[in-house]
N, C-alpha and C. Protein backbone atom coordinates (compact mmCIF):
# COMPACT_ATOMS: atom_id res chain seq x y z
N UNK A 1 -9.70 -2.53 -3.86
CA UNK A 1 -10.85 -2.17 -3.29
C UNK A 1 -11.23 -3.38 -2.41
N UNK A 2 -12.14 -3.29 -1.52
CA UNK A 2 -12.48 -4.59 -0.59
C UNK A 2 -13.62 -4.74 -1.18
N UNK A 3 -14.72 -5.68 -0.29
CA UNK A 3 -15.96 -6.20 -0.62
C UNK A 3 -16.89 -5.19 -0.30
N UNK A 4 -16.47 -4.48 0.59
CA UNK A 4 -17.04 -3.23 1.13
C UNK A 4 -17.59 -2.02 0.07
N UNK A 5 -18.83 -1.76 -0.53
CA UNK A 5 -18.87 -0.90 -1.49
C UNK A 5 -18.63 0.65 -1.17
N UNK A 6 -17.52 0.90 -1.78
CA UNK A 6 -17.25 2.56 -1.48
C UNK A 6 -18.15 3.71 -1.56
N UNK A 7 -17.87 4.50 -1.08
CA UNK A 7 -18.74 5.78 -1.19
C UNK A 7 -18.03 6.49 -2.33
N UNK A 8 -18.74 7.19 -3.37
CA UNK A 8 -17.87 7.60 -4.80
C UNK A 8 -18.58 8.86 -4.90
N UNK A 9 -17.66 9.70 -5.22
CA UNK A 9 -17.71 11.04 -5.65
C UNK A 9 -17.05 11.33 -7.14
N UNK A 10 -18.21 11.75 -7.78
CA UNK A 10 -18.00 12.05 -9.28
C UNK A 10 -17.80 13.63 -9.24
N UNK A 11 -16.78 14.03 -9.91
CA UNK A 11 -15.89 15.62 -10.02
C UNK A 11 -15.56 15.40 -11.67
N UNK A 12 -16.96 16.31 -12.27
CA UNK A 12 -16.61 16.58 -13.57
C UNK A 12 -17.77 17.77 -13.90
N UNK A 13 -17.33 18.87 -14.61
CA UNK A 13 -17.73 19.67 -15.23
C UNK A 13 -19.06 19.40 -16.17
N UNK A 14 -18.85 18.26 -16.82
CA UNK A 14 -20.12 18.07 -18.04
C UNK A 14 -21.21 17.13 -17.32
N UNK A 15 -22.38 17.73 -17.03
CA UNK A 15 -23.56 17.15 -16.67
C UNK A 15 -23.68 15.77 -17.26
N UNK A 16 -23.88 15.74 -18.67
CA UNK A 16 -24.23 14.81 -19.30
C UNK A 16 -23.45 13.55 -18.84
N UNK A 17 -21.71 13.69 -18.61
CA UNK A 17 -20.93 12.70 -18.31
C UNK A 17 -21.25 12.19 -17.11
N UNK A 18 -21.87 13.06 -16.24
CA UNK A 18 -21.89 12.77 -14.66
C UNK A 18 -23.43 11.87 -14.76
N UNK A 19 -24.25 12.29 -15.71
CA UNK A 19 -25.40 11.37 -15.67
C UNK A 19 -24.98 10.06 -16.12
N UNK A 20 -24.58 9.66 -17.14
CA UNK A 20 -23.76 8.70 -17.87
C UNK A 20 -22.99 7.72 -16.39
N UNK A 21 -22.26 8.31 -16.10
CA UNK A 21 -21.34 7.70 -14.94
C UNK A 21 -21.91 7.13 -13.56
N UNK A 22 -22.81 8.39 -13.39
CA UNK A 22 -23.81 7.87 -12.28
C UNK A 22 -24.62 6.39 -12.51
N UNK A 23 -25.37 6.80 -13.65
CA UNK A 23 -26.12 5.61 -14.13
C UNK A 23 -25.39 4.33 -14.06
N UNK A 24 -24.19 4.34 -14.64
CA UNK A 24 -23.47 3.22 -14.84
C UNK A 24 -22.94 2.57 -13.29
N UNK A 25 -22.82 3.49 -12.45
CA UNK A 25 -22.17 2.95 -10.91
C UNK A 25 -23.48 2.73 -10.03
N UNK A 26 -24.65 3.13 -10.40
CA UNK A 26 -25.95 2.75 -9.74
C UNK A 26 -26.15 1.27 -10.39
N UNK A 27 -26.20 1.26 -11.68
CA UNK A 27 -26.56 -0.09 -12.45
C UNK A 27 -25.60 -1.28 -11.95
N UNK A 28 -24.51 -1.10 -11.72
CA UNK A 28 -23.62 -2.10 -11.74
C UNK A 28 -23.41 -2.25 -10.06
N UNK A 29 -23.67 -1.23 -9.44
CA UNK A 29 -24.17 -1.96 -7.67
C UNK A 29 -22.57 -1.68 -7.03
N UNK A 30 -21.68 -0.92 -7.79
CA UNK A 30 -20.41 -0.69 -7.60
C UNK A 30 -20.20 0.12 -5.98
N UNK A 31 -21.49 1.19 -5.90
CA UNK A 31 -21.06 1.89 -4.86
C UNK A 31 -22.44 1.91 -3.85
N UNK A 32 -22.04 2.27 -2.26
CA UNK A 32 -23.00 2.34 -1.52
C UNK A 32 -23.71 3.65 -1.47
N UNK A 33 -23.13 4.79 -2.16
CA UNK A 33 -23.45 5.97 -2.04
C UNK A 33 -22.53 6.75 -3.18
N UNK A 34 -23.38 7.82 -3.89
CA UNK A 34 -22.76 8.76 -4.85
C UNK A 34 -23.01 10.02 -4.88
N UNK A 35 -21.87 10.54 -4.75
CA UNK A 35 -22.13 12.03 -4.83
C UNK A 35 -21.56 12.81 -5.97
N UNK A 36 -22.42 13.84 -6.45
CA UNK A 36 -22.01 14.31 -8.00
C UNK A 36 -21.28 16.01 -7.43
N UNK A 37 -20.22 16.47 -7.98
CA UNK A 37 -20.01 17.79 -8.01
C UNK A 37 -19.85 18.01 -9.35
N UNK A 38 -20.14 19.00 -10.00
CA UNK A 38 -19.83 19.37 -11.00
C UNK A 38 -18.63 20.46 -11.24
N UNK A 39 -17.85 20.93 -10.52
CA UNK A 39 -16.78 21.58 -10.30
C UNK A 39 -15.70 20.94 -9.30
N UNK A 40 -14.13 21.22 -9.49
CA UNK A 40 -13.50 20.93 -8.48
C UNK A 40 -13.73 21.78 -7.52
N UNK A 41 -13.69 22.92 -7.44
CA UNK A 41 -14.12 23.72 -6.31
C UNK A 41 -15.02 23.21 -5.27
N UNK A 42 -16.37 23.09 -6.00
CA UNK A 42 -17.56 22.56 -5.38
C UNK A 42 -17.32 21.22 -4.80
N UNK A 43 -16.26 20.31 -5.26
CA UNK A 43 -15.83 19.31 -4.60
C UNK A 43 -15.47 19.31 -3.45
N UNK A 44 -14.27 19.93 -3.50
CA UNK A 44 -13.20 20.62 -2.40
C UNK A 44 -14.31 21.32 -1.14
N UNK A 45 -15.01 22.06 -1.50
CA UNK A 45 -16.20 22.42 -0.73
C UNK A 45 -16.87 21.08 0.09
N UNK A 46 -17.30 20.53 -0.76
CA UNK A 46 -18.39 19.19 0.27
C UNK A 46 -17.09 18.38 0.57
N UNK A 47 -15.99 18.26 0.49
CA UNK A 47 -15.06 17.34 1.21
C UNK A 47 -14.69 18.21 2.53
N UNK A 48 -14.52 19.41 2.47
CA UNK A 48 -14.40 20.37 3.56
C UNK A 48 -15.56 20.14 4.88
N UNK A 49 -16.63 20.39 4.13
CA UNK A 49 -17.80 20.22 4.47
C UNK A 49 -18.22 19.09 5.63
N UNK A 50 -17.52 17.84 5.10
CA UNK A 50 -17.66 16.57 5.50
C UNK A 50 -16.44 16.15 6.21
N UNK A 51 -15.47 16.94 6.55
CA UNK A 51 -14.54 16.36 7.71
C UNK A 51 -14.91 16.12 8.84
N UNK A 52 -15.70 16.75 9.42
CA UNK A 52 -16.17 16.27 10.76
C UNK A 52 -16.96 14.76 10.85
N UNK A 53 -17.19 14.44 9.56
CA UNK A 53 -17.92 13.27 9.53
C UNK A 53 -17.54 12.00 8.75
N UNK A 54 -16.20 11.75 8.95
CA UNK A 54 -15.48 11.06 8.02
C UNK A 54 -16.43 9.85 7.36
N UNK A 55 -17.32 9.35 7.78
CA UNK A 55 -18.30 8.18 7.28
C UNK A 55 -18.97 8.66 5.79
N UNK A 56 -19.16 10.13 5.84
CA UNK A 56 -19.74 10.49 4.71
C UNK A 56 -18.34 11.37 3.62
N UNK A 57 -17.33 11.05 3.60
CA UNK A 57 -16.48 11.21 2.90
C UNK A 57 -16.19 10.05 1.99
N UNK A 58 -16.00 10.54 0.56
CA UNK A 58 -15.56 9.40 -0.23
C UNK A 58 -14.17 8.27 -0.12
N UNK A 59 -14.87 7.31 -0.69
CA UNK A 59 -13.66 6.23 -0.77
C UNK A 59 -12.96 6.23 -1.87
N UNK A 60 -13.61 6.87 -2.73
CA UNK A 60 -13.19 6.78 -4.47
C UNK A 60 -13.46 8.31 -4.72
N UNK A 61 -12.74 9.04 -5.53
CA UNK A 61 -13.04 10.06 -6.26
C UNK A 61 -12.93 9.70 -7.87
N UNK A 62 -13.96 9.95 -8.50
CA UNK A 62 -13.72 10.19 -10.29
C UNK A 62 -13.38 11.32 -10.63
N UNK A 63 -12.19 11.61 -11.22
CA UNK A 63 -11.99 13.02 -11.22
C UNK A 63 -11.71 13.22 -12.70
N UNK A 64 -12.15 14.33 -13.30
CA UNK A 64 -12.10 14.75 -14.79
C UNK A 64 -10.77 15.62 -14.52
N UNK A 65 -10.26 15.99 -15.96
CA UNK A 65 -8.83 16.55 -15.72
C UNK A 65 -9.23 18.04 -16.20
N UNK A 66 -9.75 18.29 -17.35
CA UNK A 66 -10.04 19.55 -17.89
C UNK A 66 -11.38 20.10 -17.30
N UNK A 67 -11.46 21.08 -16.11
CA UNK A 67 -12.56 21.41 -15.79
C UNK A 67 -12.06 22.96 -15.65
N UNK A 68 -13.07 24.02 -15.75
CA UNK A 68 -12.89 25.86 -15.58
C UNK A 68 -12.16 25.58 -14.24
N UNK A 69 -11.52 26.93 -13.85
CA UNK A 69 -11.28 27.38 -12.56
C UNK A 69 -10.14 26.27 -11.75
N UNK A 70 -11.09 25.49 -11.24
CA UNK A 70 -10.12 24.46 -10.66
C UNK A 70 -10.25 23.07 -11.35
N UNK A 71 -9.24 22.58 -12.24
CA UNK A 71 -8.86 21.46 -12.93
C UNK A 71 -8.78 20.57 -11.97
N UNK A 72 -8.45 19.45 -12.57
CA UNK A 72 -8.28 18.38 -12.06
C UNK A 72 -6.66 18.40 -11.37
N UNK A 73 -5.67 19.03 -11.93
CA UNK A 73 -4.26 19.22 -11.27
C UNK A 73 -4.52 20.06 -9.93
N UNK A 74 -5.41 21.20 -10.14
CA UNK A 74 -5.37 22.11 -9.01
C UNK A 74 -6.31 21.40 -7.86
N UNK A 75 -7.36 20.51 -8.11
CA UNK A 75 -8.06 20.01 -7.15
C UNK A 75 -7.21 19.12 -6.30
N UNK A 76 -6.21 17.96 -7.05
CA UNK A 76 -5.38 17.36 -6.39
C UNK A 76 -4.26 18.19 -5.17
N UNK A 77 -4.12 18.97 -5.85
CA UNK A 77 -3.00 19.99 -5.23
C UNK A 77 -3.92 20.48 -3.48
N UNK A 78 -4.75 20.80 -3.79
CA UNK A 78 -5.63 21.32 -2.60
C UNK A 78 -6.30 19.94 -2.03
N UNK A 79 -6.46 18.92 -2.54
CA UNK A 79 -7.29 17.88 -1.93
C UNK A 79 -6.02 17.10 -1.15
N UNK A 80 -5.00 17.19 -1.24
CA UNK A 80 -3.70 16.95 -0.60
C UNK A 80 -3.62 17.92 0.80
N UNK A 81 -3.97 19.02 0.72
CA UNK A 81 -3.74 19.84 1.96
C UNK A 81 -5.36 19.39 2.66
N UNK A 82 -6.30 19.10 2.28
CA UNK A 82 -7.39 18.48 3.04
C UNK A 82 -7.20 17.04 3.73
N UNK A 83 -6.39 16.37 2.61
CA UNK A 83 -6.43 14.90 3.11
C UNK A 83 -5.38 14.88 4.32
N UNK A 84 -4.79 15.72 4.75
CA UNK A 84 -3.80 15.42 5.99
C UNK A 84 -5.02 15.64 6.96
N UNK A 85 -6.18 15.77 6.94
CA UNK A 85 -7.31 16.00 8.29
C UNK A 85 -8.11 14.68 7.73
N UNK A 86 -7.78 13.89 7.08
CA UNK A 86 -8.95 12.67 6.72
C UNK A 86 -8.10 11.43 7.38
N UNK A 87 -8.70 10.76 7.79
CA UNK A 87 -7.93 9.46 8.43
C UNK A 87 -8.38 8.22 7.64
N UNK A 88 -9.26 8.27 6.82
CA UNK A 88 -9.57 6.97 6.07
C UNK A 88 -8.57 7.06 4.60
N UNK A 89 -8.62 6.10 3.94
CA UNK A 89 -7.56 6.12 2.31
C UNK A 89 -8.70 6.48 1.48
N UNK A 90 -8.32 7.64 0.54
CA UNK A 90 -9.35 7.93 -0.28
C UNK A 90 -8.62 7.77 -1.84
N UNK A 91 -8.77 7.05 -2.54
CA UNK A 91 -8.43 6.84 -4.03
C UNK A 91 -9.15 7.61 -4.80
N UNK A 92 -7.91 8.33 -5.97
CA UNK A 92 -8.52 8.96 -6.99
C UNK A 92 -8.30 8.60 -8.20
N UNK A 93 -9.49 8.33 -9.25
CA UNK A 93 -9.57 7.69 -10.47
C UNK A 93 -9.84 8.55 -11.49
N UNK A 94 -8.44 9.18 -12.35
CA UNK A 94 -9.03 9.81 -13.27
C UNK A 94 -9.89 9.22 -14.38
N UNK A 95 -10.94 10.22 -14.36
CA UNK A 95 -11.97 9.91 -15.31
C UNK A 95 -12.12 10.99 -16.54
N UNK A 96 -11.41 10.73 -17.57
CA UNK A 96 -11.40 12.02 -18.36
C UNK A 96 -11.42 11.68 -20.31
N UNK A 97 -11.89 12.44 -20.80
CA UNK A 97 -11.58 12.31 -21.96
C UNK A 97 -10.36 13.01 -22.83
N UNK A 98 -9.36 13.80 -22.02
CA UNK A 98 -8.26 13.77 -22.39
C UNK A 98 -7.54 13.05 -23.03
N UNK A 99 -6.46 13.42 -24.36
CA UNK A 99 -5.77 12.60 -24.75
C UNK A 99 -4.41 12.79 -25.11
N UNK A 100 -4.30 14.00 -24.03
CA UNK A 100 -3.05 14.49 -23.69
C UNK A 100 -1.95 13.51 -23.03
N UNK A 101 -0.97 12.81 -23.80
CA UNK A 101 -0.06 12.22 -23.10
C UNK A 101 0.58 12.98 -21.73
N UNK A 102 1.05 14.10 -22.03
CA UNK A 102 1.36 14.84 -20.90
C UNK A 102 0.59 15.04 -19.84
N UNK A 103 -0.69 15.18 -19.75
CA UNK A 103 -1.47 15.10 -19.06
C UNK A 103 -1.81 14.08 -18.29
N UNK A 104 -1.95 12.71 -19.00
CA UNK A 104 -1.80 11.55 -18.61
C UNK A 104 -0.45 11.08 -17.49
N UNK A 105 0.18 11.15 -18.36
CA UNK A 105 1.47 10.81 -17.53
C UNK A 105 1.68 11.70 -16.19
N UNK A 106 1.18 12.86 -16.22
CA UNK A 106 1.23 13.87 -14.97
C UNK A 106 0.48 13.25 -14.02
N UNK A 107 -0.65 13.04 -14.16
CA UNK A 107 -1.77 12.25 -13.54
C UNK A 107 -1.09 10.99 -12.54
N UNK A 108 -0.87 10.33 -13.55
CA UNK A 108 -0.66 9.01 -13.17
C UNK A 108 0.87 9.08 -12.13
N UNK A 109 1.40 10.28 -12.08
CA UNK A 109 2.61 10.23 -11.17
C UNK A 109 2.06 10.49 -9.69
N UNK A 110 1.17 11.20 -9.74
CA UNK A 110 0.53 11.38 -8.33
C UNK A 110 0.22 10.34 -7.51
N UNK A 111 0.81 10.01 -6.34
CA UNK A 111 0.42 8.98 -5.57
C UNK A 111 -0.93 9.07 -5.12
N UNK A 112 -1.70 9.64 -5.04
CA UNK A 112 -3.21 9.33 -4.98
C UNK A 112 -4.20 8.79 -6.19
N UNK A 113 -3.38 8.97 -7.31
CA UNK A 113 -3.90 8.43 -8.32
C UNK A 113 -3.77 7.15 -8.81
N UNK A 114 -4.88 6.08 -8.71
CA UNK A 114 -4.61 4.69 -8.72
C UNK A 114 -4.70 4.27 -10.07
N UNK A 115 -5.71 4.92 -11.15
CA UNK A 115 -5.23 4.75 -12.45
C UNK A 115 -6.20 5.75 -13.49
N UNK A 116 -6.02 5.55 -14.68
CA UNK A 116 -6.47 6.74 -15.75
C UNK A 116 -7.27 5.81 -16.59
N UNK A 117 -8.70 6.08 -16.63
CA UNK A 117 -9.49 6.01 -17.55
C UNK A 117 -10.19 6.92 -18.41
N UNK A 118 -10.18 6.24 -19.66
CA UNK A 118 -10.69 7.47 -20.91
C UNK A 118 -12.35 7.01 -20.38
N UNK A 119 -13.10 8.22 -20.61
CA UNK A 119 -14.70 8.22 -20.81
C UNK A 119 -15.18 7.37 -21.72
N UNK A 120 -16.16 6.92 -21.87
CA UNK A 120 -17.11 6.81 -20.82
C UNK A 120 -16.75 5.74 -19.90
N UNK A 121 -17.15 6.15 -18.56
CA UNK A 121 -17.10 4.78 -17.66
C UNK A 121 -18.12 3.98 -18.15
N UNK A 122 -17.57 2.56 -17.45
CA UNK A 122 -18.39 1.43 -18.09
C UNK A 122 -18.23 0.53 -17.35
N UNK A 123 -19.36 -0.73 -17.27
CA UNK A 123 -19.41 -1.45 -16.13
C UNK A 123 -18.32 -2.48 -15.90
N UNK A 124 -17.53 -2.94 -17.09
CA UNK A 124 -16.41 -3.66 -17.31
C UNK A 124 -15.25 -3.05 -16.36
N UNK A 125 -15.21 -1.71 -16.58
CA UNK A 125 -13.89 -1.08 -16.05
C UNK A 125 -14.64 -1.01 -14.70
N UNK A 126 -15.63 -1.02 -14.14
CA UNK A 126 -15.96 -0.98 -12.61
C UNK A 126 -15.44 -2.22 -11.86
N UNK A 127 -16.00 -3.29 -12.71
CA UNK A 127 -15.55 -4.63 -12.43
C UNK A 127 -13.99 -4.88 -12.27
N UNK A 128 -13.32 -4.24 -13.24
CA UNK A 128 -11.87 -4.49 -12.91
C UNK A 128 -11.35 -3.87 -11.71
N UNK A 129 -11.97 -2.47 -11.43
CA UNK A 129 -11.65 -1.93 -10.25
C UNK A 129 -11.87 -2.54 -8.84
N UNK A 130 -13.13 -3.33 -8.93
CA UNK A 130 -13.35 -4.10 -7.71
C UNK A 130 -12.67 -5.44 -7.48
N UNK A 131 -11.97 -5.93 -8.72
CA UNK A 131 -11.22 -6.86 -8.35
C UNK A 131 -9.95 -6.79 -8.02
N UNK A 132 -9.59 -5.45 -7.96
CA UNK A 132 -7.84 -4.99 -7.35
C UNK A 132 -8.24 -5.17 -5.69
């Protein structure tokens, strides 16, 4: 990550987790802007709507794995199709409570996923991401 604060997109079906993550990001000063979607489908729609305005696209996506209808895996598959039309780099950070070794390994193999973080998000984790 650079010294420029990223635009962040939180994608999680749990409103409480979104509230906590958003607050941690705000208090840490990590992001220039934060968008929240409570479904993978909603996140894909938001990204597609913003394709004509690249400055409004996220730089970092915090993605939960276990969500109804469009889970983290389906989101990544669909996002790759959209990403062909995105000119800037978008990093995906998996933020999940999943303890499935298979899920974690599968996510870590995806080329867009830069790391896997176990919920809840913390200021120390954000500092380590900024240091990258």
